[in-house]
N, C-alpha and C. Protein backbone atom coordinates (compact mmCIF):
# COMPACT_ATOMS: atom_id res chain seq x y z
N MET A 1 -16.11 0.35 -4.74
CA MET A 1 -15.73 1.27 -5.81
C MET A 1 -14.26 1.09 -6.14
N ARG A 2 -13.92 1.39 -7.39
CA ARG A 2 -12.54 1.32 -7.87
C ARG A 2 -12.13 2.71 -8.32
N ILE A 3 -11.23 3.31 -7.55
CA ILE A 3 -10.92 4.73 -7.70
C ILE A 3 -9.42 4.94 -7.82
N VAL A 4 -9.05 5.92 -8.64
CA VAL A 4 -7.67 6.42 -8.71
C VAL A 4 -7.66 7.81 -8.12
N LEU A 5 -6.66 8.10 -7.28
CA LEU A 5 -6.49 9.43 -6.70
C LEU A 5 -5.19 10.03 -7.23
N ILE A 6 -5.31 11.18 -7.87
CA ILE A 6 -4.17 11.86 -8.49
C ILE A 6 -4.03 13.25 -7.86
N GLY A 7 -2.81 13.70 -7.72
CA GLY A 7 -2.61 15.06 -7.22
C GLY A 7 -1.14 15.40 -7.20
N PRO A 8 -0.82 16.68 -7.23
CA PRO A 8 0.58 17.12 -7.19
C PRO A 8 1.18 16.89 -5.81
N PRO A 9 2.51 16.92 -5.70
CA PRO A 9 3.12 16.81 -4.38
C PRO A 9 2.63 17.92 -3.47
N GLY A 10 2.35 17.57 -2.22
CA GLY A 10 1.90 18.58 -1.27
C GLY A 10 0.42 18.82 -1.24
N ALA A 11 -0.35 18.11 -2.07
CA ALA A 11 -1.80 18.32 -2.12
C ALA A 11 -2.54 17.52 -1.05
N GLY A 12 -1.81 16.71 -0.27
CA GLY A 12 -2.46 15.92 0.77
C GLY A 12 -3.03 14.61 0.28
N LYS A 13 -2.47 14.11 -0.82
CA LYS A 13 -3.01 12.91 -1.45
C LYS A 13 -2.97 11.69 -0.53
N GLY A 14 -1.84 11.47 0.14
CA GLY A 14 -1.72 10.30 1.01
C GLY A 14 -2.72 10.33 2.15
N THR A 15 -2.87 11.49 2.77
CA THR A 15 -3.84 11.63 3.87
C THR A 15 -5.26 11.40 3.37
N GLN A 16 -5.61 12.03 2.27
CA GLN A 16 -6.96 11.88 1.74
C GLN A 16 -7.24 10.47 1.26
N ALA A 17 -6.22 9.78 0.77
CA ALA A 17 -6.40 8.40 0.34
C ALA A 17 -6.81 7.53 1.52
N ARG A 18 -6.13 7.71 2.66
CA ARG A 18 -6.46 6.91 3.84
C ARG A 18 -7.86 7.22 4.35
N VAL A 19 -8.23 8.51 4.35
CA VAL A 19 -9.56 8.90 4.84
C VAL A 19 -10.66 8.32 3.95
N LEU A 20 -10.51 8.51 2.64
CA LEU A 20 -11.55 8.06 1.72
C LEU A 20 -11.64 6.54 1.68
N ALA A 21 -10.50 5.87 1.67
CA ALA A 21 -10.51 4.40 1.66
C ALA A 21 -11.19 3.86 2.90
N GLY A 22 -10.97 4.50 4.04
CA GLY A 22 -11.64 4.07 5.27
C GLY A 22 -13.13 4.24 5.18
N ARG A 23 -13.59 5.33 4.62
CA ARG A 23 -15.03 5.56 4.49
C ARG A 23 -15.67 4.58 3.52
N LEU A 24 -14.93 4.19 2.49
CA LEU A 24 -15.46 3.27 1.48
C LEU A 24 -15.21 1.81 1.83
N SER A 25 -14.43 1.57 2.89
CA SER A 25 -14.07 0.20 3.31
C SER A 25 -13.37 -0.57 2.19
N VAL A 26 -12.43 0.12 1.54
CA VAL A 26 -11.59 -0.52 0.52
C VAL A 26 -10.13 -0.23 0.88
N PRO A 27 -9.18 -1.03 0.40
CA PRO A 27 -7.78 -0.75 0.70
C PRO A 27 -7.24 0.43 -0.08
N ALA A 28 -6.44 1.26 0.58
CA ALA A 28 -5.69 2.31 -0.10
C ALA A 28 -4.36 1.70 -0.52
N ILE A 29 -4.11 1.67 -1.82
CA ILE A 29 -2.94 0.98 -2.35
C ILE A 29 -1.97 2.02 -2.92
N SER A 30 -0.81 2.11 -2.31
CA SER A 30 0.21 3.07 -2.73
C SER A 30 1.33 2.34 -3.46
N SER A 31 1.66 2.81 -4.64
CA SER A 31 2.75 2.18 -5.39
C SER A 31 4.07 2.31 -4.64
N GLY A 32 4.27 3.44 -3.95
CA GLY A 32 5.50 3.61 -3.19
C GLY A 32 5.62 2.59 -2.07
N ASP A 33 4.50 2.34 -1.38
CA ASP A 33 4.50 1.33 -0.31
C ASP A 33 4.79 -0.06 -0.88
N LEU A 34 4.22 -0.35 -2.04
CA LEU A 34 4.45 -1.65 -2.67
C LEU A 34 5.91 -1.82 -3.07
N PHE A 35 6.52 -0.75 -3.58
CA PHE A 35 7.93 -0.80 -3.94
C PHE A 35 8.79 -1.11 -2.72
N ARG A 36 8.51 -0.39 -1.62
CA ARG A 36 9.31 -0.58 -0.41
C ARG A 36 9.15 -2.00 0.15
N ALA A 37 7.93 -2.51 0.12
CA ALA A 37 7.69 -3.86 0.63
C ALA A 37 8.40 -4.90 -0.23
N GLU A 38 8.34 -4.72 -1.55
CA GLU A 38 8.97 -5.67 -2.46
C GLU A 38 10.48 -5.65 -2.30
N THR A 39 11.04 -4.47 -2.13
CA THR A 39 12.48 -4.35 -1.96
C THR A 39 12.94 -4.98 -0.64
N SER A 40 12.16 -4.77 0.42
CA SER A 40 12.54 -5.32 1.72
C SER A 40 12.48 -6.85 1.74
N ARG A 41 11.62 -7.42 0.88
CA ARG A 41 11.54 -8.89 0.80
C ARG A 41 12.73 -9.49 0.06
N GLY A 42 13.41 -8.67 -0.73
CA GLY A 42 14.55 -9.17 -1.48
C GLY A 42 14.16 -10.06 -2.65
N SER A 43 12.94 -9.89 -3.15
CA SER A 43 12.49 -10.71 -4.28
C SER A 43 13.16 -10.26 -5.56
N ALA A 44 12.96 -11.04 -6.63
CA ALA A 44 13.53 -10.68 -7.92
C ALA A 44 12.98 -9.33 -8.39
N LEU A 45 11.66 -9.12 -8.20
CA LEU A 45 11.08 -7.83 -8.57
C LEU A 45 11.65 -6.72 -7.70
N GLY A 46 11.85 -7.02 -6.42
CA GLY A 46 12.42 -6.04 -5.52
C GLY A 46 13.82 -5.63 -5.93
N GLU A 47 14.61 -6.58 -6.40
CA GLU A 47 15.96 -6.27 -6.86
C GLU A 47 15.93 -5.38 -8.10
N LEU A 48 14.95 -5.63 -8.98
CA LEU A 48 14.81 -4.78 -10.17
C LEU A 48 14.46 -3.36 -9.77
N ILE A 49 13.52 -3.24 -8.83
CA ILE A 49 13.13 -1.91 -8.35
C ILE A 49 14.33 -1.19 -7.76
N LYS A 50 15.07 -1.90 -6.91
CA LYS A 50 16.23 -1.31 -6.24
C LYS A 50 17.27 -0.84 -7.25
N ARG A 51 17.45 -1.63 -8.29
CA ARG A 51 18.44 -1.28 -9.31
C ARG A 51 18.09 0.05 -9.98
N HIS A 52 16.80 0.24 -10.27
CA HIS A 52 16.37 1.48 -10.93
C HIS A 52 16.44 2.66 -9.97
N THR A 53 15.94 2.48 -8.74
CA THR A 53 15.90 3.60 -7.81
C THR A 53 17.30 4.04 -7.39
N GLU A 54 18.20 3.08 -7.20
CA GLU A 54 19.56 3.44 -6.80
C GLU A 54 20.30 4.15 -7.93
N ALA A 55 19.87 3.91 -9.17
CA ALA A 55 20.47 4.60 -10.31
C ALA A 55 19.80 5.95 -10.57
N GLY A 56 18.82 6.30 -9.72
CA GLY A 56 18.12 7.56 -9.89
C GLY A 56 17.13 7.54 -11.03
N GLU A 57 16.69 6.35 -11.43
CA GLU A 57 15.76 6.20 -12.55
C GLU A 57 14.34 5.91 -12.04
N LEU A 58 13.35 6.24 -12.86
CA LEU A 58 11.98 5.86 -12.56
C LEU A 58 11.82 4.36 -12.79
N VAL A 59 11.00 3.73 -11.96
CA VAL A 59 10.70 2.32 -12.17
C VAL A 59 9.89 2.21 -13.46
N PRO A 60 10.28 1.34 -14.40
CA PRO A 60 9.57 1.26 -15.69
C PRO A 60 8.07 1.01 -15.53
N ASP A 61 7.30 1.56 -16.46
CA ASP A 61 5.84 1.46 -16.39
C ASP A 61 5.36 0.02 -16.30
N GLU A 62 5.94 -0.87 -17.11
CA GLU A 62 5.49 -2.25 -17.13
C GLU A 62 5.74 -2.94 -15.79
N LEU A 63 6.89 -2.68 -15.18
CA LEU A 63 7.22 -3.28 -13.89
C LEU A 63 6.29 -2.73 -12.81
N THR A 64 6.06 -1.43 -12.82
CA THR A 64 5.16 -0.82 -11.84
C THR A 64 3.77 -1.41 -11.95
N THR A 65 3.28 -1.54 -13.18
CA THR A 65 1.93 -2.08 -13.39
C THR A 65 1.84 -3.52 -12.93
N THR A 66 2.87 -4.31 -13.17
CA THR A 66 2.88 -5.70 -12.73
C THR A 66 2.71 -5.80 -11.21
N ILE A 67 3.45 -4.96 -10.49
CA ILE A 67 3.40 -5.00 -9.03
C ILE A 67 2.04 -4.53 -8.52
N VAL A 68 1.52 -3.46 -9.10
CA VAL A 68 0.23 -2.93 -8.63
C VAL A 68 -0.91 -3.90 -8.95
N THR A 69 -0.96 -4.40 -10.18
CA THR A 69 -2.08 -5.28 -10.54
C THR A 69 -2.03 -6.59 -9.77
N ARG A 70 -0.84 -7.05 -9.41
CA ARG A 70 -0.75 -8.24 -8.56
C ARG A 70 -1.41 -7.97 -7.21
N ARG A 71 -1.20 -6.75 -6.69
CA ARG A 71 -1.84 -6.38 -5.41
C ARG A 71 -3.36 -6.31 -5.55
N LEU A 72 -3.85 -5.91 -6.71
CA LEU A 72 -5.30 -5.81 -6.92
C LEU A 72 -5.98 -7.17 -6.92
N HIS A 73 -5.21 -8.24 -7.08
CA HIS A 73 -5.78 -9.58 -7.09
C HIS A 73 -5.86 -10.19 -5.70
N GLU A 74 -5.37 -9.46 -4.68
CA GLU A 74 -5.48 -9.97 -3.32
C GLU A 74 -6.93 -9.84 -2.83
N PRO A 75 -7.34 -10.72 -1.91
CA PRO A 75 -8.77 -10.80 -1.51
C PRO A 75 -9.37 -9.49 -1.04
N ASP A 76 -8.61 -8.67 -0.29
CA ASP A 76 -9.21 -7.46 0.27
C ASP A 76 -9.55 -6.43 -0.79
N ALA A 77 -9.00 -6.57 -2.00
CA ALA A 77 -9.28 -5.63 -3.08
C ALA A 77 -10.39 -6.13 -4.00
N GLY A 78 -10.96 -7.27 -3.66
CA GLY A 78 -12.00 -7.84 -4.52
C GLY A 78 -13.24 -6.98 -4.64
N GLY A 79 -13.56 -6.24 -3.57
CA GLY A 79 -14.75 -5.39 -3.61
C GLY A 79 -14.48 -3.96 -3.99
N GLY A 80 -13.23 -3.65 -4.30
CA GLY A 80 -12.88 -2.29 -4.68
C GLY A 80 -11.52 -1.90 -4.13
N PHE A 81 -11.04 -0.73 -4.54
CA PHE A 81 -9.72 -0.26 -4.10
C PHE A 81 -9.59 1.22 -4.39
N LEU A 82 -8.60 1.83 -3.76
CA LEU A 82 -8.25 3.21 -4.06
C LEU A 82 -6.76 3.25 -4.35
N LEU A 83 -6.40 3.63 -5.56
CA LEU A 83 -5.00 3.67 -5.97
C LEU A 83 -4.41 5.05 -5.72
N ASP A 84 -3.31 5.09 -4.97
CA ASP A 84 -2.64 6.33 -4.61
C ASP A 84 -1.22 6.30 -5.18
N GLY A 85 -0.93 7.19 -6.13
CA GLY A 85 0.41 7.23 -6.71
C GLY A 85 0.57 6.40 -7.97
N PHE A 86 -0.50 5.81 -8.42
CA PHE A 86 -0.51 5.03 -9.66
C PHE A 86 -1.92 5.09 -10.24
N PRO A 87 -2.01 5.29 -11.56
CA PRO A 87 -0.92 5.54 -12.52
C PRO A 87 -0.41 6.98 -12.44
N ARG A 88 0.83 7.15 -12.90
CA ARG A 88 1.44 8.48 -12.95
C ARG A 88 1.60 8.98 -14.38
N THR A 89 1.52 8.08 -15.34
CA THR A 89 1.72 8.44 -16.75
C THR A 89 0.59 7.84 -17.58
N VAL A 90 0.44 8.36 -18.79
CA VAL A 90 -0.59 7.83 -19.69
C VAL A 90 -0.30 6.36 -20.00
N ARG A 91 0.96 6.01 -20.17
CA ARG A 91 1.30 4.62 -20.46
C ARG A 91 0.86 3.70 -19.32
N GLN A 92 1.09 4.11 -18.08
CA GLN A 92 0.65 3.32 -16.95
C GLN A 92 -0.87 3.20 -16.92
N ALA A 93 -1.57 4.27 -17.27
CA ALA A 93 -3.03 4.23 -17.31
C ALA A 93 -3.51 3.25 -18.38
N GLU A 94 -2.84 3.23 -19.51
CA GLU A 94 -3.21 2.28 -20.57
C GLU A 94 -3.00 0.85 -20.11
N LEU A 95 -1.87 0.59 -19.44
CA LEU A 95 -1.59 -0.76 -18.96
C LEU A 95 -2.58 -1.17 -17.88
N LEU A 96 -2.94 -0.23 -17.00
CA LEU A 96 -3.94 -0.53 -15.96
C LEU A 96 -5.29 -0.85 -16.60
N ALA A 97 -5.68 -0.07 -17.59
CA ALA A 97 -6.96 -0.32 -18.26
C ALA A 97 -6.98 -1.70 -18.91
N GLN A 98 -5.86 -2.09 -19.50
CA GLN A 98 -5.78 -3.43 -20.11
C GLN A 98 -5.92 -4.52 -19.05
N ALA A 99 -5.23 -4.32 -17.91
CA ALA A 99 -5.29 -5.32 -16.84
C ALA A 99 -6.70 -5.43 -16.28
N LEU A 100 -7.37 -4.30 -16.08
CA LEU A 100 -8.73 -4.34 -15.55
C LEU A 100 -9.69 -4.96 -16.55
N GLU A 101 -9.47 -4.69 -17.83
CA GLU A 101 -10.33 -5.29 -18.86
C GLU A 101 -10.19 -6.80 -18.85
N GLU A 102 -8.97 -7.29 -18.66
CA GLU A 102 -8.77 -8.74 -18.57
C GLU A 102 -9.50 -9.33 -17.37
N ASP A 103 -9.64 -8.54 -16.32
CA ASP A 103 -10.36 -8.98 -15.14
C ASP A 103 -11.85 -8.68 -15.23
N LYS A 104 -12.26 -8.15 -16.38
CA LYS A 104 -13.67 -7.83 -16.63
C LYS A 104 -14.20 -6.81 -15.62
N THR A 105 -13.40 -5.78 -15.39
CA THR A 105 -13.83 -4.70 -14.51
C THR A 105 -13.28 -3.38 -15.04
N VAL A 106 -13.73 -2.27 -14.46
CA VAL A 106 -13.31 -0.94 -14.91
C VAL A 106 -13.20 -0.02 -13.70
N LEU A 107 -12.57 1.13 -13.91
CA LEU A 107 -12.53 2.16 -12.88
C LEU A 107 -13.89 2.84 -12.79
N ASP A 108 -14.23 3.26 -11.57
CA ASP A 108 -15.46 4.02 -11.38
C ASP A 108 -15.22 5.52 -11.48
N ALA A 109 -14.06 5.98 -11.01
CA ALA A 109 -13.78 7.42 -11.03
C ALA A 109 -12.31 7.67 -10.80
N VAL A 110 -11.87 8.85 -11.24
CA VAL A 110 -10.51 9.32 -11.01
C VAL A 110 -10.62 10.70 -10.37
N ILE A 111 -10.24 10.80 -9.11
CA ILE A 111 -10.29 12.07 -8.39
C ILE A 111 -8.95 12.78 -8.57
N ALA A 112 -9.01 14.03 -9.00
CA ALA A 112 -7.80 14.83 -9.21
C ALA A 112 -7.80 16.00 -8.24
N LEU A 113 -6.92 15.96 -7.25
CA LEU A 113 -6.78 17.07 -6.31
C LEU A 113 -6.07 18.22 -7.00
N ASP A 114 -6.60 19.41 -6.81
CA ASP A 114 -6.05 20.59 -7.49
C ASP A 114 -5.61 21.62 -6.46
N LEU A 115 -4.38 22.09 -6.60
CA LEU A 115 -3.82 23.07 -5.66
C LEU A 115 -2.84 23.94 -6.43
N PRO A 116 -2.91 25.27 -6.27
CA PRO A 116 -1.97 26.16 -6.99
C PRO A 116 -0.53 25.90 -6.58
N ASP A 117 0.38 26.11 -7.53
CA ASP A 117 1.80 25.85 -7.27
C ASP A 117 2.34 26.66 -6.10
N ASP A 118 1.90 27.93 -5.97
CA ASP A 118 2.45 28.75 -4.89
C ASP A 118 2.06 28.21 -3.52
N GLU A 119 0.86 27.65 -3.40
CA GLU A 119 0.45 27.07 -2.12
C GLU A 119 1.19 25.76 -1.85
N ILE A 120 1.45 24.99 -2.92
CA ILE A 120 2.22 23.76 -2.76
C ILE A 120 3.61 24.08 -2.24
N VAL A 121 4.26 25.10 -2.83
CA VAL A 121 5.60 25.49 -2.39
C VAL A 121 5.57 25.90 -0.93
N GLN A 122 4.56 26.68 -0.54
CA GLN A 122 4.46 27.12 0.85
C GLN A 122 4.26 25.93 1.79
N ARG A 123 3.40 25.00 1.40
CA ARG A 123 3.14 23.82 2.24
C ARG A 123 4.40 22.99 2.45
N LEU A 124 5.11 22.71 1.37
CA LEU A 124 6.23 21.78 1.46
C LEU A 124 7.49 22.42 2.04
N THR A 125 7.77 23.65 1.65
CA THR A 125 9.00 24.26 2.17
C THR A 125 8.87 24.65 3.64
N GLY A 126 7.66 24.73 4.15
CA GLY A 126 7.46 25.08 5.55
C GLY A 126 7.43 23.89 6.49
N ARG A 127 7.51 22.68 5.95
CA ARG A 127 7.47 21.50 6.81
C ARG A 127 8.79 21.33 7.56
N ARG A 128 8.68 20.94 8.83
CA ARG A 128 9.86 20.63 9.63
C ARG A 128 9.58 19.35 10.42
N MET A 129 10.64 18.60 10.70
CA MET A 129 10.50 17.35 11.44
C MET A 129 11.51 17.32 12.58
N CYS A 130 11.06 16.81 13.72
CA CYS A 130 11.94 16.71 14.88
C CYS A 130 12.93 15.57 14.67
N GLN A 131 14.20 15.88 14.85
CA GLN A 131 15.23 14.86 14.70
C GLN A 131 15.16 13.79 15.79
N ALA A 132 14.60 14.15 16.93
CA ALA A 132 14.58 13.22 18.06
C ALA A 132 13.35 12.31 18.06
N CYS A 133 12.14 12.89 17.92
CA CYS A 133 10.92 12.08 18.06
C CYS A 133 10.13 11.92 16.77
N GLY A 134 10.51 12.66 15.72
CA GLY A 134 9.83 12.50 14.44
C GLY A 134 8.57 13.33 14.28
N MET A 135 8.21 14.13 15.28
CA MET A 135 7.00 14.96 15.18
C MET A 135 7.14 15.96 14.03
N ALA A 136 6.05 16.13 13.26
CA ALA A 136 6.06 17.07 12.14
C ALA A 136 5.32 18.35 12.51
N VAL A 137 5.85 19.48 12.09
CA VAL A 137 5.20 20.78 12.30
C VAL A 137 5.32 21.57 11.01
N HIS A 138 4.71 22.75 11.00
CA HIS A 138 4.81 23.63 9.85
C HIS A 138 5.07 25.03 10.35
N THR A 139 6.00 25.71 9.72
CA THR A 139 6.40 27.03 10.19
C THR A 139 5.28 28.06 10.08
N VAL A 140 4.29 27.82 9.19
CA VAL A 140 3.18 28.76 9.01
C VAL A 140 1.89 28.22 9.64
N PHE A 141 1.54 26.97 9.32
CA PHE A 141 0.24 26.43 9.72
C PHE A 141 0.22 25.85 11.13
N SER A 142 1.35 25.36 11.62
CA SER A 142 1.39 24.81 12.99
C SER A 142 2.76 25.08 13.59
N PRO A 143 3.11 26.35 13.76
CA PRO A 143 4.46 26.71 14.21
C PRO A 143 4.74 26.24 15.64
N PRO A 144 5.97 25.86 15.93
CA PRO A 144 6.34 25.45 17.29
C PRO A 144 6.35 26.67 18.21
N ARG A 145 6.19 26.40 19.52
CA ARG A 145 6.20 27.50 20.49
C ARG A 145 7.57 28.18 20.53
N VAL A 146 8.63 27.38 20.44
CA VAL A 146 10.00 27.90 20.39
C VAL A 146 10.54 27.64 18.98
N PRO A 147 10.87 28.68 18.23
CA PRO A 147 11.36 28.46 16.86
C PRO A 147 12.52 27.47 16.81
N GLY A 148 12.38 26.48 15.91
CA GLY A 148 13.46 25.52 15.71
C GLY A 148 13.47 24.38 16.69
N ARG A 149 12.50 24.37 17.65
CA ARG A 149 12.49 23.31 18.67
C ARG A 149 11.12 22.63 18.73
N CYS A 150 11.15 21.32 18.92
CA CYS A 150 9.93 20.52 18.99
C CYS A 150 9.16 20.83 20.28
N ASP A 151 7.86 21.01 20.17
CA ASP A 151 7.03 21.24 21.35
C ASP A 151 7.00 20.04 22.28
N GLY A 152 7.14 18.83 21.72
CA GLY A 152 7.03 17.63 22.52
C GLY A 152 8.28 17.29 23.31
N CYS A 153 9.45 17.32 22.65
CA CYS A 153 10.67 16.86 23.31
C CYS A 153 11.81 17.87 23.26
N ALA A 154 11.56 19.03 22.68
CA ALA A 154 12.57 20.10 22.55
C ALA A 154 13.72 19.73 21.62
N GLY A 155 13.53 18.66 20.82
CA GLY A 155 14.54 18.28 19.85
C GLY A 155 14.61 19.29 18.71
N ALA A 156 15.69 19.23 17.94
CA ALA A 156 15.88 20.16 16.84
C ALA A 156 14.93 19.85 15.68
N LEU A 157 14.32 20.88 15.13
CA LEU A 157 13.45 20.74 13.97
C LEU A 157 14.27 20.99 12.71
N VAL A 158 14.16 20.08 11.74
CA VAL A 158 14.94 20.21 10.51
C VAL A 158 14.04 20.09 9.30
N ARG A 159 14.49 20.62 8.21
CA ARG A 159 13.77 20.50 6.94
C ARG A 159 14.30 19.29 6.18
N ARG A 160 13.39 18.50 5.63
CA ARG A 160 13.79 17.35 4.84
C ARG A 160 14.49 17.82 3.57
N ALA A 161 15.40 17.00 3.07
CA ALA A 161 16.18 17.37 1.89
C ALA A 161 15.30 17.62 0.67
N ASP A 162 14.16 16.90 0.58
CA ASP A 162 13.31 17.07 -0.60
C ASP A 162 12.26 18.16 -0.41
N ASP A 163 12.36 18.95 0.67
CA ASP A 163 11.42 20.04 0.89
C ASP A 163 12.02 21.42 0.63
N THR A 164 13.19 21.47 0.00
CA THR A 164 13.73 22.77 -0.39
C THR A 164 12.93 23.30 -1.58
N GLU A 165 12.93 24.60 -1.75
CA GLU A 165 12.15 25.19 -2.84
C GLU A 165 12.62 24.67 -4.20
N GLU A 166 13.92 24.53 -4.37
CA GLU A 166 14.45 24.04 -5.65
C GLU A 166 13.92 22.64 -5.95
N THR A 167 13.94 21.77 -4.93
CA THR A 167 13.46 20.39 -5.14
C THR A 167 11.97 20.36 -5.39
N VAL A 168 11.21 21.17 -4.65
CA VAL A 168 9.75 21.20 -4.83
C VAL A 168 9.40 21.66 -6.24
N LEU A 169 10.07 22.70 -6.72
CA LEU A 169 9.79 23.20 -8.08
C LEU A 169 10.15 22.15 -9.12
N ARG A 170 11.21 21.39 -8.88
CA ARG A 170 11.58 20.33 -9.81
C ARG A 170 10.51 19.23 -9.82
N ARG A 171 9.99 18.88 -8.63
CA ARG A 171 8.94 17.86 -8.56
C ARG A 171 7.67 18.34 -9.25
N LEU A 172 7.36 19.61 -9.15
CA LEU A 172 6.18 20.16 -9.82
C LEU A 172 6.37 20.13 -11.34
N ALA A 173 7.59 20.37 -11.79
CA ALA A 173 7.86 20.32 -13.23
C ALA A 173 7.68 18.90 -13.75
N VAL A 174 8.13 17.91 -12.98
CA VAL A 174 7.95 16.51 -13.37
C VAL A 174 6.46 16.16 -13.40
N TYR A 175 5.72 16.65 -12.43
CA TYR A 175 4.27 16.40 -12.38
C TYR A 175 3.59 16.98 -13.62
N ALA A 176 3.96 18.20 -13.97
CA ALA A 176 3.37 18.85 -15.14
C ALA A 176 3.69 18.08 -16.42
N GLU A 177 4.91 17.57 -16.50
CA GLU A 177 5.33 16.87 -17.71
C GLU A 177 4.69 15.49 -17.82
N GLN A 178 4.66 14.75 -16.72
CA GLN A 178 4.26 13.34 -16.77
C GLN A 178 2.79 13.10 -16.44
N THR A 179 2.25 13.86 -15.47
CA THR A 179 0.93 13.51 -14.94
C THR A 179 -0.19 14.39 -15.47
N VAL A 180 0.07 15.66 -15.77
CA VAL A 180 -0.99 16.51 -16.30
C VAL A 180 -1.58 15.92 -17.59
N PRO A 181 -0.78 15.36 -18.51
CA PRO A 181 -1.39 14.71 -19.68
C PRO A 181 -2.31 13.54 -19.29
N LEU A 182 -2.01 12.90 -18.16
CA LEU A 182 -2.86 11.81 -17.68
C LEU A 182 -4.24 12.33 -17.28
N LEU A 183 -4.30 13.54 -16.72
CA LEU A 183 -5.58 14.12 -16.36
C LEU A 183 -6.44 14.31 -17.61
N ARG A 184 -5.81 14.78 -18.68
CA ARG A 184 -6.57 14.95 -19.93
C ARG A 184 -7.03 13.59 -20.46
N TRP A 185 -6.20 12.57 -20.31
CA TRP A 185 -6.52 11.22 -20.79
C TRP A 185 -7.77 10.70 -20.08
N TYR A 186 -7.83 10.89 -18.78
CA TYR A 186 -8.99 10.43 -18.02
C TYR A 186 -10.22 11.31 -18.26
N ALA A 187 -10.00 12.61 -18.47
CA ALA A 187 -11.11 13.50 -18.77
C ALA A 187 -11.77 13.10 -20.08
N ASP A 188 -10.98 12.71 -21.07
CA ASP A 188 -11.52 12.27 -22.36
C ASP A 188 -12.39 11.04 -22.20
N ARG A 189 -12.16 10.26 -21.15
CA ARG A 189 -12.93 9.04 -20.89
C ARG A 189 -14.04 9.26 -19.87
N GLU A 190 -14.27 10.53 -19.54
CA GLU A 190 -15.35 10.96 -18.63
C GLU A 190 -15.25 10.30 -17.26
N LEU A 191 -14.02 10.16 -16.78
CA LEU A 191 -13.79 9.58 -15.46
C LEU A 191 -13.27 10.60 -14.45
N LEU A 192 -12.82 11.76 -14.92
CA LEU A 192 -12.10 12.70 -14.07
C LEU A 192 -13.05 13.54 -13.21
N LEU A 193 -12.74 13.61 -11.92
CA LEU A 193 -13.49 14.43 -10.97
C LEU A 193 -12.52 15.41 -10.30
N PRO A 194 -12.40 16.65 -10.79
CA PRO A 194 -11.49 17.62 -10.15
C PRO A 194 -12.03 18.03 -8.78
N VAL A 195 -11.14 18.12 -7.80
CA VAL A 195 -11.52 18.50 -6.44
C VAL A 195 -10.53 19.54 -5.92
N ASP A 196 -11.05 20.63 -5.40
CA ASP A 196 -10.22 21.68 -4.82
C ASP A 196 -9.56 21.16 -3.54
N ALA A 197 -8.23 21.20 -3.48
CA ALA A 197 -7.50 20.66 -2.32
C ALA A 197 -7.12 21.72 -1.31
N LYS A 198 -7.65 22.94 -1.46
CA LYS A 198 -7.38 23.98 -0.46
C LYS A 198 -8.19 23.70 0.80
N GLY A 199 -7.66 24.14 1.94
CA GLY A 199 -8.40 24.03 3.18
C GLY A 199 -7.98 22.86 4.04
N ALA A 200 -8.72 22.66 5.13
CA ALA A 200 -8.41 21.61 6.09
C ALA A 200 -8.77 20.24 5.52
N VAL A 201 -8.17 19.21 6.13
CA VAL A 201 -8.39 17.83 5.66
C VAL A 201 -9.88 17.48 5.60
N PRO A 202 -10.68 17.75 6.64
CA PRO A 202 -12.11 17.38 6.57
C PRO A 202 -12.85 18.09 5.44
N GLU A 203 -12.49 19.34 5.17
CA GLU A 203 -13.15 20.08 4.09
C GLU A 203 -12.89 19.42 2.74
N VAL A 204 -11.64 19.06 2.49
CA VAL A 204 -11.30 18.42 1.22
C VAL A 204 -11.94 17.03 1.14
N SER A 205 -11.96 16.31 2.25
CA SER A 205 -12.61 14.99 2.28
C SER A 205 -14.07 15.09 1.91
N ASP A 206 -14.75 16.12 2.44
CA ASP A 206 -16.17 16.31 2.12
C ASP A 206 -16.37 16.60 0.64
N ARG A 207 -15.47 17.39 0.05
CA ARG A 207 -15.58 17.68 -1.39
C ARG A 207 -15.40 16.41 -2.22
N MET A 208 -14.47 15.56 -1.81
CA MET A 208 -14.24 14.31 -2.53
C MET A 208 -15.48 13.42 -2.47
N ARG A 209 -16.06 13.30 -1.29
CA ARG A 209 -17.25 12.46 -1.15
C ARG A 209 -18.42 13.01 -1.95
N ALA A 210 -18.55 14.35 -1.98
CA ALA A 210 -19.62 14.97 -2.76
C ALA A 210 -19.42 14.70 -4.26
N ALA A 211 -18.18 14.80 -4.71
CA ALA A 211 -17.89 14.55 -6.13
C ALA A 211 -18.23 13.11 -6.50
N LEU A 212 -17.89 12.16 -5.64
CA LEU A 212 -18.20 10.76 -5.91
C LEU A 212 -19.71 10.51 -5.87
N ALA A 213 -20.37 11.14 -4.91
CA ALA A 213 -21.82 10.94 -4.78
C ALA A 213 -22.56 11.42 -6.03
N ALA A 214 -22.02 12.46 -6.65
CA ALA A 214 -22.68 13.02 -7.85
C ALA A 214 -22.64 12.06 -9.03
N VAL A 215 -21.63 11.16 -9.07
CA VAL A 215 -21.52 10.26 -10.21
C VAL A 215 -21.99 8.84 -9.90
N THR A 216 -22.36 8.59 -8.65
CA THR A 216 -22.78 7.23 -8.28
C THR A 216 -24.25 7.16 -7.91
N ARG A 217 -24.99 8.24 -8.13
CA ARG A 217 -26.43 8.22 -7.83
C ARG A 217 -27.17 7.32 -8.81
């Protein structure tokens, strides 16, 4: 299957991408991972990516699509793939559709994880990470035994810079501006499968599989 997974920050998209890709035996392809790999190689494309990110700019749609579609031509993606973090805009979706058409293939479905903004804020602002061992906890959902200290190594728990409420609200505003129109674009093409992202990881995974099963019978 060829699937796109879309969702707001904090909806568990990365986790669900890995779970679903494993069940479908297809690669989970993250645009962010591809950017980091390209930059670390020091390639010409990597230098372009670095130039944009260091300037605080979004990587242009055409460049992003070039990198992602090149990955789709690797052997492990021949039988299908799950795209995580791409496309993010209608323009990227148009470019992806053109690339797939040239390869004489199409998307099977677009799963859209849905989560209310207030729950997203609670999820992200409550995350803490141990400075010493990297263990992640949550002040509400998985609180440490000793406030501010890691259960594993007693290291200090800190909040990531991008998990402040101000930053989270800004990321949600960007999502609403850039990606919500993409949901309508895919809905118009009868590819969109909305999935409730509330609850534990297995519960959401089951909803995703049920949504896919309904369109692949």
